[in-house]
Amino acid sequence: MTIRLTVPDMRAIFPRAPQAVLTAFVDKQDSILSPAGINHTRQRLKFFFANIEHECGGFTIPNLTESLAYTPERMAAVWPNRFRSADAVRTKYGTAPGWQKAAFDDIYGNRMGNRPGTHDGSTYIGRGGPQWTGRDGYAECQKRTGLPAISQPAVICGYSVQPEICAAFWSWKGLNAKADVGDFNGAVKLWNGGTNGLADRLALMKGNDPIIDRLANVDAIESTINNLPGQPPTPTPPKEVIDEATKKERKARTAGGAVAGAGAGNEGAKTTGTIAADKPLISSPVALALIGVGLVVAVVASVLIARKAAAVVKNWN
């Protein structure tokens, strides 16, 4: 099943977006969104569009670029851990023309791949639908899209390439797995490192739900199914989808089993006397504790795997 997008549907989700953006998503849904798996389920589309809508105002912010035109009050509100008040902002950066650029070079400098002592902080600001940020982010965007994002940052803002820009960000962050298990908070944290704007994102998704729920799927459009590239998604989630969604839990289960096995092996060696003389034994209480901890970790991980797998199946529509 592949969910089909139309221009009227996209207009309903992004009522004030430039027409070129909407047309690009519809025209490239098979070549860009499908390979990334974004339009394989409604749940993925809901997560995808709600977060993009929040990040760039539904493709309405000027030039799809984060504004540097902050006031000291706004800067203090956005970064309260850095600035106790607007006066603290003024004290550090002054009020002369260009102070905001200096502030961004400082605030974003020496992180996200931005080089200290450069203008990377004010150069690699949020751009495009997902608001790619930081030199490392731009390098990743360039790697995944082939666009010269490092040398020409504004290329990320082109209306016609927003499907590529958004899909690349989504795949980079591995967000299919978060959508598949219904972990919206987790998706937001991967998106921007925290839960900024969570309430707005949730409200936007709720508003989009009726629109996305009524979208047709390719199974109902016999005249187009044979024209789609590659193999269509399976009616039920394949093993690799569930494996991706439960990757962390499966690692934990393996680790728990290893810990329990180490404890059990030590106990067995102590009982039978098969351990080498130069290898000290772990005391019995410690070995038993290892077995217990390992078993608990393995059991809890198995329960979480089952729950996440059930959530993936539920959301695969």
Foldseek 3Di string as FASTA:
>chain_A
DFFADDLVLLCLLQVPAPSLLSVLCNVCCQPFVVVLPQRQFLLSVLLLSLLLCVQQVSNPDVLQFDDLPDQLQRVCVVCVVVDVHSVRLCVVQNDPPPSSQVVQCVVVDPPLAHDHPDSQSSVQFFGASLGQGHPNSQVQLCVQQVDPCNVPVSVNSDSNCRSSSSSSLCVVLVCLLCSLQVNSQVSCCSSPVHCPPVVSSVVSSVSSVVSSVPGDGVVVVVVCPVVRPDDRADLFHDPVSLCSNLVVLVVQLVVLVVQLVVLVVLVVCVVVVVDDPVDDGDDNVVSVVSNVSSVVSNVVSVVVSVSSSVSSRVRSD
